[in-house]
Amino acid sequence: MTADIYDKIAHYYDLTHAALTEDIPYILQVARQSAGPVLELGCGSGRLLLPLAEAGHTVFGVDNSPVMLARAQARVQQLPPAQAARAQVLLADMTQLTLTPAQPFGLALLPYNTAMHLPLPQLTQTLRRVKGYVQGNGRFFIDLANPFIVAATPNDRMLTLENVLTDPDTGETIVQMAANWLDEEAQILHITWLYDASPAAGGAVQRTVAQVDYHYLYPHQVEMALHDAGWRIVRMSGDYADTPFDEESERLLVLAAPG
């Protein structure tokens, strides 16, 4: 289902995430400290795939959205040949990941909120499958929203304005709105996104609606999932400066090693 959502909003996703760059230096630093190729799960349209390849890393991106992957592949092809040769993408479900040949990776990534698309059993299954592809001294990095902040999301289902953007390619004005419904017992944040595109030359507004569920986990639940899948936590941080995590942290960042 997630693939269908991102197939539908791939273009809008790139517009709304163009300013999301604060995690890139941190990811590059983690990659520099890891020996071997990088496996990115949920690589999408290449937001991290490209800077990793540009920085000299061999990177293999996996995603289950054909539209997002096509955008990633188009961007890879625009890189200089030496950089493009270092980036590959694969259309696959990360929870059922099978790589042939099974090359060893030095680092696996579940970047910005990607793991939140997975219910806990599927996350554990993914962690278990990926362990078979990470060499003995490799690392697994997971970047999540702070669950305490997610759990404080207003549960009013009111439609609120999130962004007003201009599409540089078409000149369209894109109005992005969202409504939230928090299921605290199930630990799921249900989000409905509305994208209203107004043509630059005037005319009818085109509305796109997408619904997504974010499964938020508390630190002890992340630790249990990793342990059950054969990993141990090396570091848990609350931001990209590696400040120790607490309930008011910006993020929940976890670096793990085979346990």
Foldseek 3Di string as FASTA:
>chain_A
DVLVQCLQCVVVVCQVCVPVDQCQVLVLVLQVVFPFAEEEEQCFQPPNQQVCLVVPHQYEYEDQHPNRVVNNLVVLVPDPPSSSVSYYYDNDDLLPDDDVPLAAGQEYECDDLNLQQDQLVSSLSSLLVCLSNHDQNHKYKYKFFQLLVVQPPDAPQDKDWDDWDADPVFRWTKTKIKGWHADPVQQKIKIKIWIWTAGPVGDDTDIDIGIGITRDDHPVSVQVSNVSSQKHWPAWAQDSVRHRDDNPGRITMTMIGGD
